């Protein structure tokens, strides 16, 4: 049965993407109907990043965040397990907690005083005796709506509303092998530095995600002035002979495998010294290929809206707020065992580069906003967009899993990303999502 709750047949969203030709319809970036379908077909079904375990280390710790436009609470339980549930009272729907994080034995709604445990269960309400003669009323029927599944991968916590979604392991597939570059290059594991930077960008969420999925093409032009200001030289892509685009299930990782490219842009020699001193240990842990990606010129998006930059270690979620706005949530990931002075250097470096006032983020935000805004024009919005760079560049690799395309200046990851978008927008269930692991298919 279709997930669209109306009598007419759902639109053919797949027709908006022609991955084999590298063409995408602009409706993806401005149409309200497309956006509402994304909330249903993608954000209510996919695994979405909700927290890092370091943010909720103790029982009763919690953080609040979003899954699509649904507010959720992510809470550590007394037995140290993790649950997530809607941040919306089951009585009148009021938001239950307005704090971003904390430690609490429960949550009480401001409206009528209904109280809930950190497991989302309804514990009580004022004048509860009024409900004693209410036919069929059971407190357990009014617990907060929980996510269908929640799992952690080496510190990163993901959740899904869809009980029929594949396991997180299946959803990540071979992409988990690449996540270990960031999450498992040190035996002590990782943590987020305290604090979350939030900002609003007047752009469609997919422009941001597809920039990070592999758009190195813009860097030399867009970030030239910032690079000169920060580094005294233009953007340097490094040695591109081994550069590749890597795609797994729509997740994309683009890298030139140059060891220290991205982290140099932070302008903090302490960080490069830290990784240079650990080089042989990282090779022993990850192997030579992945060790070269730890700080390389790279960019990554995990489908649909979780992105990061290896080396620079800025991790972010593009939270959608309609077809022409996002709320950007950003953190800095570090190894727990890093010396404090290196962690401090990371904080300074990311603030200077990828924060609302950072020299690179301001460039990107302006481009995304105007890419979105230009579609207001009727004639403009009816033109297609080109994603054809690097067509036919896919190669076989004995060293790297996933679908590999040669070259850093490429749009292969973009094509795979939008094919995944089209597949999910069209599929009535996960069982209908095509398996596109074979070469020659987008």
Protein backbone atom coordinates (compact mmCIF):
# COMPACT_ATOMS: atom_id res chain seq x y z
CA UNK A 1 0.00 0.00 0.00
CA UNK A 2 1.33 3.45 -0.87
CA UNK A 3 2.61 5.63 1.96
CA UNK A 4 0.85 8.60 0.34
CA UNK A 5 -2.47 9.03 2.09
CA UNK A 6 -4.60 10.27 -0.79
CA UNK A 7 -6.75 8.80 -3.50
CA UNK A 8 -4.64 9.78 -6.49
CA UNK A 9 -1.45 8.02 -7.50
CA UNK A 10 1.74 9.52 -6.03
CA UNK A 11 3.85 11.67 -8.36
CA UNK A 12 6.66 9.97 -10.25
CA UNK A 13 9.51 11.49 -8.28
CA UNK A 14 12.04 9.23 -10.01
CA UNK A 15 11.49 11.17 -13.23
CA UNK A 16 13.10 14.23 -11.59
CA UNK A 17 16.51 12.53 -11.53
CA UNK A 18 18.39 11.16 -14.54
CA UNK A 19 21.56 9.91 -12.88
CA UNK A 20 22.88 8.11 -15.95
CA UNK A 21 22.85 11.44 -17.85
CA UNK A 22 23.83 13.64 -14.91
CA UNK A 23 20.65 15.73 -14.96
CA UNK A 24 18.52 16.79 -11.96
CA UNK A 25 15.22 18.67 -12.06
CA UNK A 26 15.16 21.91 -10.04
CA UNK A 27 11.89 20.90 -8.39
CA UNK A 28 14.07 19.04 -5.89
CA UNK A 29 15.23 22.38 -4.49
CA UNK A 30 12.13 24.57 -4.33
CA UNK A 31 8.89 22.59 -4.66
CA UNK A 32 6.80 22.38 -1.46
CA UNK A 33 5.18 19.14 -2.59
CA UNK A 34 8.59 17.55 -3.08
CA UNK A 35 9.66 18.74 0.36
CA UNK A 36 6.59 17.28 2.09
CA UNK A 37 7.15 13.98 0.30
CA UNK A 38 10.76 13.98 1.53
CA UNK A 39 9.55 14.26 5.12
CA UNK A 40 7.47 11.13 4.56
CA UNK A 41 9.57 9.05 2.19
CA UNK A 42 13.07 9.88 3.48
CA UNK A 43 13.10 11.46 6.93
CA UNK A 44 10.46 9.17 8.43
CA UNK A 45 12.27 6.07 7.10
CA UNK A 46 16.04 6.61 7.00
CA UNK A 47 18.51 6.28 9.84
CA UNK A 48 19.24 9.82 11.05
CA UNK A 49 22.07 11.06 13.28
CA UNK A 50 20.71 12.21 16.66
CA UNK A 51 23.67 12.45 19.09
CA UNK A 52 27.16 11.35 20.07
CA UNK A 53 27.40 9.12 23.13
CA UNK A 54 29.79 11.59 24.74
CA UNK A 55 26.88 14.06 24.98
CA UNK A 56 24.89 11.76 27.26
CA UNK A 57 27.47 9.79 29.29
CA UNK A 58 25.43 9.35 32.50
CA UNK A 59 22.00 7.91 33.37
CA UNK A 60 19.24 10.52 32.93
CA UNK A 61 21.43 12.66 30.63
CA UNK A 62 19.52 13.86 27.59
CA UNK A 63 19.81 16.03 24.49
CA UNK A 64 17.08 17.41 22.27
CA UNK A 65 17.30 17.42 18.51
CA UNK A 66 15.28 16.84 15.33
CA UNK A 67 14.57 13.98 12.99
CA UNK A 68 13.41 15.85 9.93
CA UNK A 69 11.06 18.40 11.49
CA UNK A 70 10.05 16.11 14.37
CA UNK A 71 11.42 17.23 17.74
CA UNK A 72 12.93 14.34 19.72
CA UNK A 73 14.54 13.73 23.09
CA UNK A 74 17.50 11.34 23.23
CA UNK A 75 17.99 10.05 26.78
CA UNK A 76 20.42 7.75 28.56
CA UNK A 77 18.50 5.22 30.65
CA UNK A 78 19.31 3.92 34.12
CA UNK A 79 20.68 0.71 32.61
CA UNK A 80 22.88 2.86 30.29
CA UNK A 81 20.85 1.98 27.21
CA UNK A 82 19.58 4.85 25.04
CA UNK A 83 16.04 5.73 24.04
CA UNK A 84 14.59 8.46 21.83
CA UNK A 85 11.01 9.72 21.67
CA UNK A 86 8.99 12.67 20.44
CA UNK A 87 9.38 15.92 22.36
CA UNK A 88 5.63 16.49 22.20
CA UNK A 89 3.08 15.84 24.94
CA UNK A 90 0.52 13.17 24.12
CA UNK A 91 -2.24 15.30 25.68
CA UNK A 92 -2.25 18.54 23.64
CA UNK A 93 1.03 18.22 21.77
CA UNK A 94 2.93 20.93 23.63
CA UNK A 95 6.73 20.73 23.52
CA UNK A 96 7.79 19.08 26.76
CA UNK A 97 11.33 20.33 27.27
CA UNK A 98 12.85 23.45 25.75
CA UNK A 99 16.41 22.88 26.95
CA UNK A 100 19.04 21.58 24.55
CA UNK A 101 20.58 19.18 27.06
CA UNK A 102 20.57 18.30 30.73
CA UNK A 103 20.12 15.63 33.35
CA UNK A 104 16.61 14.98 34.60
CA UNK A 105 14.58 12.27 36.34
CA UNK A 106 11.69 13.07 34.05
CA UNK A 107 9.91 15.69 31.94
CA UNK A 108 6.79 17.68 32.81
CA UNK A 109 4.63 19.48 30.27
CA UNK A 110 4.04 23.18 31.01
CA UNK A 111 0.46 23.08 29.73
CA UNK A 112 -1.42 20.64 31.98
CA UNK A 113 1.39 19.13 34.04
CA UNK A 114 1.49 15.67 32.49
CA UNK A 115 4.78 14.09 33.57
CA UNK A 116 6.87 11.54 31.73
CA UNK A 117 9.89 9.43 32.67
CA UNK A 118 13.20 9.57 30.86
CA UNK A 119 11.97 6.43 29.08
CA UNK A 120 9.02 8.40 27.65
CA UNK A 121 6.42 6.62 29.79
CA UNK A 122 3.52 8.66 31.18
CA UNK A 123 4.01 8.67 34.96
CA UNK A 124 1.17 10.89 36.16
CA UNK A 125 -0.97 13.96 35.72
CA UNK A 126 -2.58 16.53 38.05
CA UNK A 127 -6.03 15.58 39.32
CA UNK A 128 -5.49 12.07 38.05
CA UNK A 129 -8.64 10.94 39.87
CA UNK A 130 -10.61 12.74 37.14
CA UNK A 131 -9.46 10.00 34.77
CA UNK A 132 -10.53 7.11 37.00
CA UNK A 133 -14.03 7.05 35.52
CA UNK A 134 -12.89 7.86 31.99
CA UNK A 135 -13.89 4.77 29.94
CA UNK A 136 -10.91 2.95 28.44
CA UNK A 137 -8.29 5.43 29.64
CA UNK A 138 -4.92 3.78 30.25
CA UNK A 139 -1.75 5.70 31.02
CA UNK A 140 0.31 3.29 28.93
CA UNK A 141 -1.69 4.34 25.85
CA UNK A 142 -0.38 7.89 26.23
CA UNK A 143 3.37 7.32 26.50
CA UNK A 144 5.49 9.49 24.26
CA UNK A 145 5.95 8.13 20.75
CA UNK A 146 9.28 6.32 20.60
CA UNK A 147 11.51 5.88 17.57
CA UNK A 148 11.23 2.42 16.04
CA UNK A 149 14.92 1.67 16.45
CA UNK A 150 17.98 3.38 17.85
CA UNK A 151 21.56 2.14 17.54
CA UNK A 152 25.08 3.42 18.07
CA UNK A 153 28.04 2.97 15.78
CA UNK A 154 31.30 3.59 17.67
CA UNK A 155 29.88 6.61 19.47
CA UNK A 156 27.56 8.02 16.80
CA UNK A 157 23.89 7.45 17.65
CA UNK A 158 21.35 7.01 14.85
CA UNK A 159 17.59 6.48 15.00
CA UNK A 160 14.75 5.67 12.62
CA UNK A 161 10.97 5.98 12.88
CA UNK A 162 10.43 3.08 10.47
CA UNK A 163 10.10 -0.37 12.12
CA UNK A 164 10.71 -1.97 8.72
CA UNK A 165 13.97 -0.12 8.06
CA UNK A 166 17.07 -2.25 7.61
CA UNK A 167 19.41 -2.50 10.58
CA UNK A 168 21.94 0.30 10.98
CA UNK A 169 24.64 -2.17 9.96
CA UNK A 170 22.80 -2.89 6.71
CA UNK A 171 22.02 0.80 6.15
CA UNK A 172 25.69 1.74 6.48
CA UNK A 173 26.98 -1.27 4.56
CA UNK A 174 30.59 -0.89 3.49
CA UNK A 175 30.42 2.79 4.46
CA UNK A 176 31.11 1.72 8.07
CA UNK A 177 34.62 0.73 6.94
CA UNK A 178 35.19 4.38 6.02
CA UNK A 179 33.53 5.79 9.15
CA UNK A 180 36.25 3.98 11.12
CA UNK A 181 38.74 6.46 9.63
CA UNK A 182 37.23 9.08 11.92
CA UNK A 183 35.83 6.93 14.71
CA UNK A 184 38.48 4.26 15.23
CA UNK A 185 41.91 5.71 14.43
CA UNK A 186 42.75 5.67 18.16
CA UNK A 187 42.00 3.02 20.78
CA UNK A 188 40.38 5.57 23.11
CA UNK A 189 37.47 6.34 20.80
CA UNK A 190 36.02 9.78 20.07
CA UNK A 191 33.97 12.55 21.65
CA UNK A 192 32.33 15.80 20.68
CA UNK A 193 33.90 18.91 22.16
CA UNK A 194 31.36 20.62 24.46
CA UNK A 195 28.84 22.86 22.78
CA UNK A 196 26.83 22.89 19.57
CA UNK A 197 26.86 25.78 17.13
CA UNK A 198 23.48 26.47 15.55
CA UNK A 199 22.81 28.75 12.63
CA UNK A 200 20.12 29.31 10.00
CA UNK A 201 20.84 29.25 6.28
CA UNK A 202 18.18 30.21 3.74
CA UNK A 203 18.92 27.25 1.51
CA UNK A 204 17.48 23.90 0.52
CA UNK A 205 19.00 21.16 2.66
CA UNK A 206 20.13 19.12 -0.36
CA UNK A 207 22.39 21.87 -1.71
CA UNK A 208 24.35 21.64 1.54
CA UNK A 209 24.42 17.84 1.62
CA UNK A 210 25.53 17.57 -1.99
CA UNK A 211 28.32 20.10 -1.42
CA UNK A 212 29.79 17.80 1.23
CA UNK A 213 29.10 14.55 -0.62
CA UNK A 214 31.99 15.36 -2.95
CA UNK A 215 32.06 18.89 -4.38
CA UNK A 216 35.77 19.65 -4.41
CA UNK A 217 35.15 21.46 -7.70
CA UNK A 218 34.01 24.65 -5.93
CA UNK A 219 36.91 24.92 -3.46
CA UNK A 220 39.57 26.40 -5.74
CA UNK A 221 37.19 29.16 -6.88
CA UNK A 222 34.85 29.78 -3.93
CA UNK A 223 37.46 29.53 -1.18
CA UNK A 224 40.40 31.20 -2.93
CA UNK A 225 40.25 34.44 -0.95
CA UNK A 226 39.70 32.61 2.35
CA UNK A 227 42.62 30.29 1.71
CA UNK A 228 44.89 33.22 0.89
CA UNK A 229 43.80 35.02 4.05
CA UNK A 230 44.29 31.94 6.24
CA UNK A 231 47.23 30.22 4.59
CA UNK A 232 48.85 32.82 2.39
CA UNK A 233 48.18 30.72 -0.72
CA UNK A 234 45.37 29.56 -2.96
CA UNK A 235 43.52 26.28 -2.41
CA UNK A 236 45.86 23.35 -3.02
CA UNK A 237 44.19 20.08 -4.00
CA UNK A 238 47.47 18.22 -3.40
CA UNK A 239 48.54 15.16 -5.35
CA UNK A 240 45.46 14.05 -7.27
CA UNK A 241 46.82 10.86 -8.83
CA UNK A 242 45.07 8.68 -6.22
CA UNK A 243 41.98 10.89 -5.72
CA UNK A 244 38.64 9.09 -5.75
CA UNK A 245 34.92 9.41 -5.18
CA UNK A 246 33.49 6.60 -3.02
CA UNK A 247 29.77 5.83 -2.85
CA UNK A 248 27.86 3.28 -0.75
CA UNK A 249 24.03 3.32 -0.65
CA UNK A 250 24.01 7.04 -1.48
CA UNK A 251 26.58 7.84 1.24
CA UNK A 252 29.56 9.59 -0.35
CA UNK A 253 33.22 10.18 0.53
CA UNK A 254 35.51 12.16 -1.77
CA UNK A 255 39.23 12.23 -1.00
CA UNK A 256 42.62 12.83 -2.57
CA UNK A 257 44.31 10.56 0.03
CA UNK A 258 47.05 13.14 0.70
CA UNK A 259 47.43 12.51 4.47
CA UNK A 260 47.37 16.04 5.89
CA UNK A 261 45.59 18.32 3.40
CA UNK A 262 42.38 19.28 5.21
CA UNK A 263 43.86 19.61 8.67
CA UNK A 264 46.51 22.06 7.39
CA UNK A 265 43.74 24.54 6.55
CA UNK A 266 42.95 24.90 10.25
CA UNK A 267 46.17 26.88 10.66
CA UNK A 268 47.09 24.96 13.83
CA UNK A 269 50.53 23.24 13.58
CA UNK A 270 49.82 21.33 16.82
CA UNK A 271 47.16 19.28 15.02
CA UNK A 272 49.45 18.24 12.17
CA UNK A 273 52.20 17.39 14.68
CA UNK A 274 49.73 15.19 16.58
CA UNK A 275 48.78 13.15 13.52
CA UNK A 276 52.31 13.06 12.13
CA UNK A 277 53.52 11.63 15.44
CA UNK A 278 50.84 8.94 15.35
CA UNK A 279 51.21 8.02 11.68
CA UNK A 280 52.64 4.52 12.15
CA UNK A 281 50.08 3.67 14.85
CA UNK A 282 47.24 4.75 12.58
CA UNK A 283 48.64 2.68 9.70
CA UNK A 284 48.82 -0.36 11.99
CA UNK A 285 45.23 0.24 13.08
CA UNK A 286 43.55 1.15 9.77
CA UNK A 287 45.94 0.11 7.03
CA UNK A 288 47.84 2.48 4.73
CA UNK A 289 44.89 3.45 2.48
CA UNK A 290 42.57 4.57 5.25
CA UNK A 291 45.40 6.15 7.24
CA UNK A 292 46.00 8.49 4.32
CA UNK A 293 42.38 9.68 4.51
CA UNK A 294 42.38 10.70 8.19
CA UNK A 295 43.42 14.29 7.50
CA UNK A 296 43.26 14.39 3.71
CA UNK A 297 41.45 16.87 1.48
CA UNK A 298 38.07 15.15 1.78
CA UNK A 299 34.36 15.74 2.26
CA UNK A 300 31.64 13.34 3.32
CA UNK A 301 27.85 13.05 3.49
CA UNK A 302 25.98 10.14 5.00
CA UNK A 303 22.57 10.01 3.34
CA UNK A 304 20.45 11.99 3.80
CA UNK A 305 21.72 14.97 5.87
CA UNK A 306 24.73 14.11 8.08
CA UNK A 307 28.06 15.52 6.85
CA UNK A 308 31.64 16.03 8.01
CA UNK A 309 35.10 17.02 6.86
CA UNK A 310 37.93 14.63 7.77
CA UNK A 311 40.94 16.46 9.14
CA UNK A 312 38.97 19.59 9.89
CA UNK A 313 36.63 17.38 11.96
CA UNK A 314 33.56 19.59 11.65
CA UNK A 315 30.48 17.35 11.98
CA UNK A 316 27.09 18.74 11.05
CA UNK A 317 23.43 17.98 10.41
CA UNK A 318 21.45 19.95 7.84
CA UNK A 319 18.10 20.11 9.65
CA UNK A 320 15.37 20.90 7.07
CA UNK A 321 12.99 23.78 7.76
CA UNK A 322 10.98 23.88 4.56
CA UNK A 323 12.20 23.81 0.96
CA UNK A 324 14.24 27.02 1.34
CA UNK A 325 15.71 26.97 4.86
CA UNK A 326 17.85 24.80 7.11
CA UNK A 327 18.95 24.95 10.72
CA UNK A 328 22.58 23.87 10.80
CA UNK A 329 23.81 22.03 13.91
CA UNK A 330 27.62 21.73 14.12
CA UNK A 331 30.07 19.99 16.46
CA UNK A 332 33.80 19.24 16.56
CA UNK A 333 34.86 15.58 16.81
CA UNK A 334 38.16 14.70 18.50
CA UNK A 335 39.88 11.62 19.84
CA UNK A 336 39.31 11.26 23.58
CA UNK A 337 43.01 10.57 24.12
CA UNK A 338 44.15 13.78 22.39
CA UNK A 339 46.21 16.12 24.56
CA UNK A 340 44.08 19.03 25.75
CA UNK A 341 46.18 21.54 23.81
CA UNK A 342 45.38 19.68 20.57
CA UNK A 343 41.65 19.71 21.40
CA UNK A 344 41.89 23.44 22.06
CA UNK A 345 43.65 23.88 18.72
CA UNK A 346 40.82 22.03 17.00
CA UNK A 347 38.26 24.31 18.61
CA UNK A 348 40.13 27.42 17.40
CA UNK A 349 40.74 26.01 13.95
CA UNK A 350 37.14 25.04 13.30
CA UNK A 351 35.88 28.38 14.59
CA UNK A 352 38.16 30.14 12.11
CA UNK A 353 37.14 27.99 9.14
CA UNK A 354 33.76 26.25 9.46
CA UNK A 355 31.57 28.21 11.85
CA UNK A 356 28.96 30.91 11.09
CA UNK A 357 31.80 33.47 11.13
CA UNK A 358 34.38 31.12 9.58
CA UNK A 359 36.16 32.18 6.42
CA UNK A 360 35.02 29.11 4.45
CA UNK A 361 31.50 28.63 5.80
CA UNK A 362 30.43 32.17 4.91
CA UNK A 363 31.46 31.52 1.29
CA UNK A 364 29.47 28.28 1.14
CA UNK A 365 26.36 29.63 2.86
CA UNK A 366 26.08 32.53 0.44
CA UNK A 367 26.33 30.19 -2.56
CA UNK A 368 23.71 27.79 -1.19
CA UNK A 369 21.30 30.62 -0.40
CA UNK A 370 21.48 32.10 -3.88
CA UNK A 371 21.32 28.66 -5.53
CA UNK A 372 18.00 28.22 -3.69
CA UNK A 373 16.70 31.78 -4.09
CA UNK A 374 17.24 31.91 -7.85
CA UNK A 375 14.54 29.26 -8.31
CA UNK A 376 11.81 31.77 -7.46
CA UNK A 377 11.65 32.69 -11.11
CA UNK A 378 9.13 30.67 -13.12
CA UNK A 379 11.39 30.22 -16.15
CA UNK A 380 14.43 29.55 -13.97
CA UNK A 381 12.73 26.83 -11.94
CA UNK A 382 11.84 24.97 -15.13
CA UNK A 383 15.47 24.55 -16.18
CA UNK A 384 17.43 21.42 -15.27
CA UNK A 385 20.75 21.30 -13.40
CA UNK A 386 23.91 19.58 -14.61
CA UNK A 387 25.61 16.86 -12.57
CA UNK A 388 27.52 15.30 -15.45
CA UNK A 389 31.13 15.90 -14.37
CA UNK A 390 33.05 12.62 -14.39
CA UNK A 391 30.49 10.48 -16.22
CA UNK A 392 32.11 7.17 -17.09
CA UNK A 393 34.86 7.53 -14.45
CA UNK A 394 33.93 4.48 -12.36
CA UNK A 395 36.80 2.05 -11.80
CA UNK A 396 37.44 -1.28 -10.11
CA UNK A 397 39.45 -1.20 -6.88
CA UNK A 398 40.94 -4.09 -4.95
CA UNK A 399 41.85 -1.75 -2.10
CA UNK A 400 38.66 0.24 -1.49
CA UNK A 401 35.13 -1.17 -1.00
CA UNK A 402 32.07 0.49 -2.47
CA UNK A 403 31.60 2.13 -5.85
CA UNK A 404 34.78 3.94 -6.80
CA UNK A 405 35.15 6.70 -9.38
CA UNK A 406 38.49 8.16 -10.37
CA UNK A 407 39.30 11.78 -9.62
CA UNK A 408 38.51 14.40 -7.00
CA UNK A 409 36.97 16.90 -9.44
CA UNK A 410 33.95 14.74 -10.13
CA UNK A 411 30.19 14.55 -9.57
CA UNK A 412 29.92 10.77 -9.34
CA UNK A 413 28.94 10.86 -5.66
CA UNK A 414 26.27 13.43 -6.44
CA UNK A 415 24.70 11.18 -9.06
CA UNK A 416 24.65 8.22 -6.64
CA UNK A 417 23.23 10.46 -3.91
CA UNK A 418 20.33 11.68 -6.07
CA UNK A 419 19.68 8.19 -7.38
CA UNK A 420 19.28 7.06 -3.77
CA UNK A 421 16.94 10.02 -3.24
CA UNK A 422 14.85 9.00 -6.24
CA UNK A 423 14.75 5.34 -5.20
CA UNK A 424 13.49 6.17 -1.69
CA UNK A 425 11.02 8.79 -2.90
CA UNK A 426 9.46 6.21 -5.21
CA UNK A 427 9.62 3.04 -3.10
CA UNK A 428 6.54 2.12 -1.08
CA UNK A 429 8.70 0.19 1.40
CA UNK A 430 12.33 -0.70 2.01
CA UNK A 431 11.80 -3.97 0.17
CA UNK A 432 11.16 -1.93 -2.98
CA UNK A 433 14.44 0.02 -2.78
CA UNK A 434 16.72 -1.23 -5.60
CA UNK A 435 20.13 -2.73 -4.89
CA UNK A 436 22.55 -0.66 -6.97
CA UNK A 437 25.90 -2.13 -5.98
CA UNK A 438 26.89 -3.21 -9.47
CA UNK A 439 29.08 -1.03 -11.67
CA UNK A 440 27.41 0.65 -14.59
CA UNK A 441 24.32 1.62 -12.61
CA UNK A 442 23.81 4.91 -10.84
